[in-house]
PDB file of N, CA and C in Angstrom:
ATOM      1  N   MET A   1      35.156 -56.785-128.638  1.00  0.00           N
ATOM      2  CA  MET A   1      36.162 -55.880-129.196  1.00  0.00           C
ATOM      3  C   MET A   1      37.565 -56.243-128.729  1.00  0.00           C
ATOM      4  N   ARG A   2      37.685 -56.864-127.567  1.00  0.00           N
ATOM      5  CA  ARG A   2      39.011 -57.146-127.018  1.00  0.00           C
ATOM      6  C   ARG A   2      39.826 -58.061-127.922  1.00  0.00           C
ATOM      7  N   GLU A   3      39.216 -59.145-128.396  1.00  0.00           N
ATOM      8  CA  GLU A   3      39.967 -60.098-129.212  1.00  0.00           C
ATOM      9  C   GLU A   3      40.509 -59.479-130.498  1.00  0.00           C
ATOM     10  N   PRO A   4      39.695 -58.759-131.279  1.00  0.00           N
ATOM     11  CA  PRO A   4      40.251 -58.135-132.483  1.00  0.00           C
ATOM     12  C   PRO A   4      41.358 -57.134-132.150  1.00  0.00           C
ATOM     13  N   THR A   5      41.206 -56.414-131.069  1.00  0.00           N
ATOM     14  CA  THR A   5      42.216 -55.443-130.664  1.00  0.00           C
ATOM     15  C   THR A   5      43.533 -56.131-130.365  1.00  0.00           C
ATOM     16  N   LEU A   6      43.482 -57.218-129.598  1.00  0.00           N
ATOM     17  CA  LEU A   6      44.705 -57.933-129.237  1.00  0.00           C
ATOM     18  C   LEU A   6      45.310 -58.643-130.438  1.00  0.00           C
ATOM     19  N   LYS A   7      44.475 -59.166-131.322  1.00  0.00           N
ATOM     20  CA  LYS A   7      44.998 -59.823-132.530  1.00  0.00           C
ATOM     21  C   LYS A   7      45.704 -58.818-133.432  1.00  0.00           C
ATOM     22  N   ALA A   8      45.111 -57.634-133.596  1.00  0.00           N
ATOM     23  CA  ALA A   8      45.742 -56.600-134.428  1.00  0.00           C
ATOM     24  C   ALA A   8      47.056 -56.145-133.792  1.00  0.00           C
ATOM     25  N   PHE A   9      47.069 -55.993-132.478  1.00  0.00           N
ATOM     26  CA  PHE A   9      48.303 -55.596-131.796  1.00  0.00           C
ATOM     27  C   PHE A   9      49.380 -56.658-132.012  1.00  0.00           C
ATOM     28  N   GLY A  10      49.007 -57.911-131.820  1.00  0.00           N
ATOM     29  CA  GLY A  10      49.962 -59.004-132.011  1.00  0.00           C
ATOM     30  C   GLY A  10      50.476 -59.095-133.425  1.00  0.00           C
ATOM     31  N   GLN A  11      49.608 -58.831-134.393  1.00  0.00           N
ATOM     32  CA  GLN A  11      50.025 -58.844-135.794  1.00  0.00           C
ATOM     33  C   GLN A  11      51.085 -57.781-136.033  1.00  0.00           C
ATOM     34  N   GLU A  12      50.935 -56.633-135.405  1.00  0.00           N
ATOM     35  CA  GLU A  12      51.920 -55.566-135.571  1.00  0.00           C
ATOM     36  C   GLU A  12      53.245 -55.903-134.908  1.00  0.00           C
ATOM     37  N   VAL A  13      53.203 -56.515-133.740  1.00  0.00           N
ATOM     38  CA  VAL A  13      54.450 -56.950-133.105  1.00  0.00           C
ATOM     39  C   VAL A  13      55.163 -57.929-134.023  1.00  0.00           C
ATOM     40  N   ARG A  14      54.430 -58.884-134.564  1.00  0.00           N
ATOM     41  CA  ARG A  14      55.020 -59.875-135.470  1.00  0.00           C
ATOM     42  C   ARG A  14      55.597 -59.198-136.717  1.00  0.00           C
ATOM     43  N   HIS A  15      54.866 -58.236-137.272  1.00  0.00           N
ATOM     44  CA  HIS A  15      55.344 -57.522-138.459  1.00  0.00           C
ATOM     45  C   HIS A  15      56.692 -56.861-138.192  1.00  0.00           C
ATOM     46  N   TRP A  16      56.756 -56.067-137.124  1.00  0.00           N
ATOM     47  CA  TRP A  16      57.991 -55.325-136.834  1.00  0.00           C
ATOM     48  C   TRP A  16      59.126 -56.266-136.458  1.00  0.00           C
ATOM     49  N   ARG A  17      58.816 -57.347-135.744  1.00  0.00           N
ATOM     50  CA  ARG A  17      59.851 -58.320-135.368  1.00  0.00           C
ATOM     51  C   ARG A  17      60.411 -58.997-136.613  1.00  0.00           C
ATOM     52  N   ALA A  18      59.522 -59.419-137.512  1.00  0.00           N
ATOM     53  CA  ALA A  18      59.965 -60.090-138.730  1.00  0.00           C
ATOM     54  C   ALA A  18      60.743 -59.136-139.628  1.00  0.00           C
ATOM     55  N   GLU A  19      60.304 -57.894-139.693  1.00  0.00           N
ATOM     56  CA  GLU A  19      61.004 -56.905-140.521  1.00  0.00           C
ATOM     57  C   GLU A  19      62.447 -56.717-140.035  1.00  0.00           C
ATOM     58  N   ARG A  20      62.651 -56.818-138.736  1.00  0.00           N
ATOM     59  CA  ARG A  20      63.991 -56.676-138.173  1.00  0.00           C
ATOM     60  C   ARG A  20      64.743 -58.007-138.111  1.00  0.00           C
ATOM     61  N   ARG A  21      64.080 -59.051-138.615  1.00  0.00           N
ATOM     62  CA  ARG A  21      64.658 -60.403-138.656  1.00  0.00           C
ATOM     63  C   ARG A  21      65.102 -60.878-137.269  1.00  0.00           C
ATOM     64  N   LEU A  22      64.215 -60.656-136.303  1.00  0.00           N
ATOM     65  CA  LEU A  22      64.456 -61.107-134.936  1.00  0.00           C
ATOM     66  C   LEU A  22      63.583 -62.319-134.658  1.00  0.00           C
ATOM     67  N   SER A  23      64.132 -63.287-133.971  1.00  0.00           N
ATOM     68  CA  SER A  23      63.306 -64.403-133.514  1.00  0.00           C
ATOM     69  C   SER A  23      62.541 -63.947-132.275  1.00  0.00           C
ATOM     70  N   GLN A  24      61.510 -64.692-131.930  1.00  0.00           N
ATOM     71  CA  GLN A  24      60.783 -64.399-130.695  1.00  0.00           C
ATOM     72  C   GLN A  24      61.736 -64.469-129.503  1.00  0.00           C
ATOM     73  N   GLU A  25      62.621 -65.440-129.533  1.00  0.00           N
ATOM     74  CA  GLU A  25      63.556 -65.630-128.426  1.00  0.00           C
ATOM     75  C   GLU A  25      64.504 -64.436-128.278  1.00  0.00           C
ATOM     76  N   VAL A  26      65.042 -63.941-129.381  1.00  0.00           N
ATOM     77  CA  VAL A  26      65.965 -62.800-129.326  1.00  0.00           C
ATOM     78  C   VAL A  26      65.235 -61.558-128.839  1.00  0.00           C
ATOM     79  N   LEU A  27      64.040 -61.286-129.386  1.00  0.00           N
ATOM     80  CA  LEU A  27      63.276 -60.120-128.946  1.00  0.00           C
ATOM     81  C   LEU A  27      62.942 -60.233-127.461  1.00  0.00           C
ATOM     82  N   ALA A  28      62.507 -61.394-127.044  1.00  0.00           N
ATOM     83  CA  ALA A  28      62.173 -61.591-125.633  1.00  0.00           C
ATOM     84  C   ALA A  28      63.381 -61.331-124.747  1.00  0.00           C
ATOM     85  N   ASP A  29      64.529 -61.842-125.148  1.00  0.00           N
ATOM     86  CA  ASP A  29      65.750 -61.653-124.374  1.00  0.00           C
ATOM     87  C   ASP A  29      66.109 -60.171-124.272  1.00  0.00           C
ATOM     88  N   GLN A  30      66.003 -59.454-125.390  1.00  0.00           N
ATOM     89  CA  GLN A  30      66.317 -58.023-125.394  1.00  0.00           C
ATOM     90  C   GLN A  30      65.367 -57.239-124.488  1.00  0.00           C
ATOM     91  N   CYS A  31      64.099 -57.654-124.467  1.00  0.00           N
ATOM     92  CA  CYS A  31      63.087 -56.951-123.675  1.00  0.00           C
ATOM     93  C   CYS A  31      63.054 -57.389-122.214  1.00  0.00           C
ATOM     94  N   GLY A  32      63.680 -58.519-121.918  1.00  0.00           N
ATOM     95  CA  GLY A  32      63.604 -59.059-120.566  1.00  0.00           C
ATOM     96  C   GLY A  32      62.325 -59.845-120.321  1.00  0.00           C
ATOM     97  N   PHE A  33      61.728 -60.365-121.402  1.00  0.00           N
ATOM     98  CA  PHE A  33      60.505 -61.157-121.328  1.00  0.00           C
ATOM     99  C   PHE A  33      60.831 -62.626-121.599  1.00  0.00           C
ATOM    100  N   HIS A  34      59.881 -63.484-121.302  1.00  0.00           N
ATOM    101  CA  HIS A  34      60.010 -64.898-121.666  1.00  0.00           C
ATOM    102  C   HIS A  34      59.560 -65.059-123.115  1.00  0.00           C
ATOM    103  N   ARG A  35      60.179 -65.973-123.852  1.00  0.00           N
ATOM    104  CA  ARG A  35      59.849 -66.192-125.256  1.00  0.00           C
ATOM    105  C   ARG A  35      58.367 -66.524-125.440  1.00  0.00           C
ATOM    106  N   THR A  36      57.801 -67.290-124.539  1.00  0.00           N
ATOM    107  CA  THR A  36      56.390 -67.655-124.691  1.00  0.00           C
ATOM    108  C   THR A  36      55.474 -66.439-124.572  1.00  0.00           C
ATOM    109  N   TYR A  37      55.898 -65.431-123.818  1.00  0.00           N
ATOM    110  CA  TYR A  37      55.114 -64.208-123.677  1.00  0.00           C
ATOM    111  C   TYR A  37      55.017 -63.489-125.026  1.00  0.00           C
ATOM    112  N   ILE A  38      56.112 -63.431-125.759  1.00  0.00           N
ATOM    113  CA  ILE A  38      56.098 -62.808-127.092  1.00  0.00           C
ATOM    114  C   ILE A  38      55.138 -63.578-128.002  1.00  0.00           C
ATOM    115  N   GLY A  39      55.195 -64.895-127.984  1.00  0.00           N
ATOM    116  CA  GLY A  39      54.286 -65.709-128.791  1.00  0.00           C
ATOM    117  C   GLY A  39      52.831 -65.476-128.426  1.00  0.00           C
ATOM    118  N   GLN A  40      52.553 -65.361-127.138  1.00  0.00           N
ATOM    119  CA  GLN A  40      51.180 -65.117-126.698  1.00  0.00           C
ATOM    120  C   GLN A  40      50.697 -63.736-127.141  1.00  0.00           C
ATOM    121  N   ILE A  41      51.570 -62.748-127.095  1.00  0.00           N
ATOM    122  CA  ILE A  41      51.204 -61.415-127.581  1.00  0.00           C
ATOM    123  C   ILE A  41      50.896 -61.485-129.073  1.00  0.00           C
ATOM    124  N   GLU A  42      51.771 -62.126-129.835  1.00  0.00           N
ATOM    125  CA  GLU A  42      51.586 -62.190-131.293  1.00  0.00           C
ATOM    126  C   GLU A  42      50.319 -62.942-131.687  1.00  0.00           C
ATOM    127  N   ARG A  43      49.881 -63.887-130.869  1.00  0.00           N
ATOM    128  CA  ARG A  43      48.645 -64.629-131.161  1.00  0.00           C
ATOM    129  C   ARG A  43      47.405 -63.925-130.605  1.00  0.00           C
ATOM    130  N   GLY A  44      47.588 -62.800-129.928  1.00  0.00           N
ATOM    131  CA  GLY A  44      46.460 -62.071-129.357  1.00  0.00           C
ATOM    132  C   GLY A  44      45.922 -62.680-128.094  1.00  0.00           C
ATOM    133  N   GLU A  45      46.749 -63.452-127.401  1.00  0.00           N
ATOM    134  CA  GLU A  45      46.326 -64.129-126.178  1.00  0.00           C
ATOM    135  C   GLU A  45      46.658 -63.337-124.914  1.00  0.00           C
ATOM    136  N   ARG A  46      47.528 -62.356-125.029  1.00  0.00           N
ATOM    137  CA  ARG A  46      47.939 -61.552-123.868  1.00  0.00           C
ATOM    138  C   ARG A  46      47.668 -60.083-124.136  1.00  0.00           C
ATOM    139  N   ASN A  47      47.376 -59.369-123.062  1.00  0.00           N
ATOM    140  CA  ASN A  47      47.137 -57.932-123.122  1.00  0.00           C
ATOM    141  C   ASN A  47      48.293 -57.255-122.386  1.00  0.00           C
ATOM    142  N   PRO A  48      49.339 -56.841-123.125  1.00  0.00           N
ATOM    143  CA  PRO A  48      50.521 -56.298-122.459  1.00  0.00           C
ATOM    144  C   PRO A  48      50.245 -54.945-121.802  1.00  0.00           C
ATOM    145  N   SER A  49      50.945 -54.687-120.715  1.00  0.00           N
ATOM    146  CA  SER A  49      50.834 -53.405-120.023  1.00  0.00           C
ATOM    147  C   SER A  49      51.487 -52.307-120.861  1.00  0.00           C
ATOM    148  N   LEU A  50      51.209 -51.080-120.498  1.00  0.00           N
ATOM    149  CA  LEU A  50      51.801 -49.942-121.201  1.00  0.00           C
ATOM    150  C   LEU A  50      53.321 -50.003-121.137  1.00  0.00           C
ATOM    151  N   ILE A  51      53.869 -50.360-119.993  1.00  0.00           N
ATOM    152  CA  ILE A  51      55.322 -50.467-119.841  1.00  0.00           C
ATOM    153  C   ILE A  51      55.866 -51.498-120.830  1.00  0.00           C
ATOM    154  N   ASN A  52      55.180 -52.624-120.976  1.00  0.00           N
ATOM    155  CA  ASN A  52      55.639 -53.663-121.898  1.00  0.00           C
ATOM    156  C   ASN A  52      55.491 -53.230-123.356  1.00  0.00           C
ATOM    157  N   VAL A  53      54.455 -52.459-123.670  1.00  0.00           N
ATOM    158  CA  VAL A  53      54.303 -51.928-125.031  1.00  0.00           C
ATOM    159  C   VAL A  53      55.463 -50.988-125.340  1.00  0.00           C
ATOM    160  N   LEU A  54      55.774 -50.112-124.415  1.00  0.00           N
ATOM    161  CA  LEU A  54      56.905 -49.188-124.604  1.00  0.00           C
ATOM    162  C   LEU A  54      58.212 -49.956-124.770  1.00  0.00           C
ATOM    163  N   THR A  55      58.403 -50.991-123.975  1.00  0.00           N
ATOM    164  CA  THR A  55      59.610 -51.821-124.065  1.00  0.00           C
ATOM    165  C   THR A  55      59.692 -52.501-125.420  1.00  0.00           C
ATOM    166  N   LEU A  56      58.591 -53.075-125.874  1.00  0.00           N
ATOM    167  CA  LEU A  56      58.572 -53.726-127.190  1.00  0.00           C
ATOM    168  C   LEU A  56      58.928 -52.739-128.291  1.00  0.00           C
ATOM    169  N   CYS A  57      58.296 -51.585-128.284  1.00  0.00           N
ATOM    170  CA  CYS A  57      58.562 -50.594-129.338  1.00  0.00           C
ATOM    171  C   CYS A  57      60.016 -50.146-129.313  1.00  0.00           C
ATOM    172  N   ARG A  58      60.552 -49.923-128.132  1.00  0.00           N
ATOM    173  CA  ARG A  58      61.944 -49.491-128.031  1.00  0.00           C
ATOM    174  C   ARG A  58      62.875 -50.544-128.634  1.00  0.00           C
ATOM    175  N   HIS A  59      62.656 -51.810-128.316  1.00  0.00           N
ATOM    176  CA  HIS A  59      63.545 -52.863-128.807  1.00  0.00           C
ATOM    177  C   HIS A  59      63.262 -53.257-130.254  1.00  0.00           C
ATOM    178  N   LEU A  60      62.085 -52.890-130.752  1.00  0.00           N
ATOM    179  CA  LEU A  60      61.791 -53.104-132.169  1.00  0.00           C
ATOM    180  C   LEU A  60      62.254 -51.919-133.006  1.00  0.00           C
ATOM    181  N   GLY A  61      62.657 -50.849-132.340  1.00  0.00           N
ATOM    182  CA  GLY A  61      63.156 -49.680-133.057  1.00  0.00           C
ATOM    183  C   GLY A  61      62.066 -48.929-133.793  1.00  0.00           C
ATOM    184  N   VAL A  62      60.882 -48.884-133.206  1.00  0.00           N
ATOM    185  CA  VAL A  62      59.751 -48.200-133.831  1.00  0.00           C
ATOM    186  C   VAL A  62      59.127 -47.259-132.798  1.00  0.00           C
ATOM    187  N   SER A  63      58.720 -46.085-133.256  1.00  0.00           N
ATOM    188  CA  SER A  63      58.073 -45.140-132.342  1.00  0.00           C
ATOM    189  C   SER A  63      56.634 -45.595-132.083  1.00  0.00           C
ATOM    190  N   LEU A  64      56.091 -45.150-130.973  1.00  0.00           N
ATOM    191  CA  LEU A  64      54.691 -45.477-130.672  1.00  0.00           C
ATOM    192  C   LEU A  64      53.745 -44.971-131.765  1.00  0.00           C
ATOM    193  N   PRO A  65      53.888 -43.724-132.213  1.00  0.00           N
ATOM    194  CA  PRO A  65      52.973 -43.280-133.280  1.00  0.00           C
ATOM    195  C   PRO A  65      53.061 -44.148-134.536  1.00  0.00           C
ATOM    196  N   GLU A  66      54.274 -44.484-134.944  1.00  0.00           N
ATOM    197  CA  GLU A  66      54.443 -45.315-136.138  1.00  0.00           C
ATOM    198  C   GLU A  66      53.815 -46.689-135.934  1.00  0.00           C
ATOM    199  N   PHE A  67      54.050 -47.270-134.765  1.00  0.00           N
ATOM    200  CA  PHE A  67      53.486 -48.583-134.456  1.00  0.00           C
ATOM    201  C   PHE A  67      51.963 -48.527-134.523  1.00  0.00           C
ATOM    202  N   PHE A  68      51.364 -47.520-133.885  1.00  0.00           N
ATOM    203  CA  PHE A  68      49.910 -47.478-133.788  1.00  0.00           C
ATOM    204  C   PHE A  68      49.222 -46.983-135.050  1.00  0.00           C
ATOM    205  N   ILE A  69      49.928 -46.311-135.936  1.00  0.00           N
ATOM    206  CA  ILE A  69      49.343 -45.985-137.236  1.00  0.00           C
ATOM    207  C   ILE A  69      49.085 -47.273-138.011  1.00  0.00           C
ATOM    208  N   ARG A  70      50.088 -48.159-138.028  1.00  0.00           N
ATOM    209  CA  ARG A  70      49.907 -49.462-138.694  1.00  0.00           C
ATOM    210  C   ARG A  70      48.873 -50.301-137.961  1.00  0.00           C
ATOM    211  N   TYR A  71      48.880 -50.236-136.635  1.00  0.00           N
ATOM    212  CA  TYR A  71      47.922 -50.994-135.818  1.00  0.00           C
ATOM    213  C   TYR A  71      46.487 -50.616-136.195  1.00  0.00           C
ATOM    214  N   GLU A  72      46.207 -49.314-136.317  1.00  0.00           N
ATOM    215  CA  GLU A  72      44.874 -48.859-136.659  1.00  0.00           C
ATOM    216  C   GLU A  72      44.420 -49.448-138.000  1.00  0.00           C
ATOM    217  N   ALA A  73      45.310 -49.496-138.953  1.00  0.00           N
ATOM    218  CA  ALA A  73      44.984 -50.083-140.256  1.00  0.00           C
ATOM    219  C   ALA A  73      44.722 -51.582-140.112  1.00  0.00           C
ATOM    220  N   ALA A  74      45.557 -52.248-139.320  1.00  0.00           N
ATOM    221  CA  ALA A  74      45.401 -53.702-139.121  1.00  0.00           C
ATOM    222  C   ALA A  74      44.120 -54.026-138.375  1.00  0.00           C
ATOM    223  N   LEU A  75      43.717 -53.172-137.478  1.00  0.00           N
ATOM    224  CA  LEU A  75      42.517 -53.406-136.675  1.00  0.00           C
ATOM    225  C   LEU A  75      41.288 -53.591-137.564  1.00  0.00           C
ATOM    226  N   GLY A  76      41.232 -52.862-138.660  1.00  0.00           N
ATOM    227  CA  GLY A  76      40.105 -52.985-139.582  1.00  0.00           C
ATOM    228  C   GLY A  76      39.974 -54.367-140.195  1.00  0.00           C
ATOM    229  N   THR A  77      41.072 -55.097-140.316  1.00  0.00           N
ATOM    230  CA  THR A  77      41.010 -56.436-140.911  1.00  0.00           C
ATOM    231  C   THR A  77      40.422 -57.462-139.938  1.00  0.00           C
ATOM    232  N   PHE A  78      40.357 -57.107-138.649  1.00  0.00           N
ATOM    233  CA  PHE A  78      39.824 -58.038-137.650  1.00  0.00           C
ATOM    234  C   PHE A  78      38.424 -57.673-137.202  1.00  0.00           C
ATOM    235  N   ALA A  79      37.894 -56.571-137.678  1.00  0.00           N
ATOM    236  CA  ALA A  79      36.562 -56.110-137.237  1.00  0.00           C
ATOM    237  C   ALA A  79      35.454 -56.937-137.840  1.00  0.00           C
TER     238      ALA A  79
END
């Protein structure tokens, strides 16, 4: 279950980042993360902490409920 969960989460980060027309590098800089960390999250290779999820959502300009509503829908595509 972990891999589909992380892939769906990463897909949502990529969706919101692309919608805001941010590069991985710009988002990483705004969040205080390394660019490779954003790429690893988007590929489902990293399991970000709650603090990092909150940071991502804040800098993507999306609320947690809004983010996770889309996430739940995306999760079904990886099951």
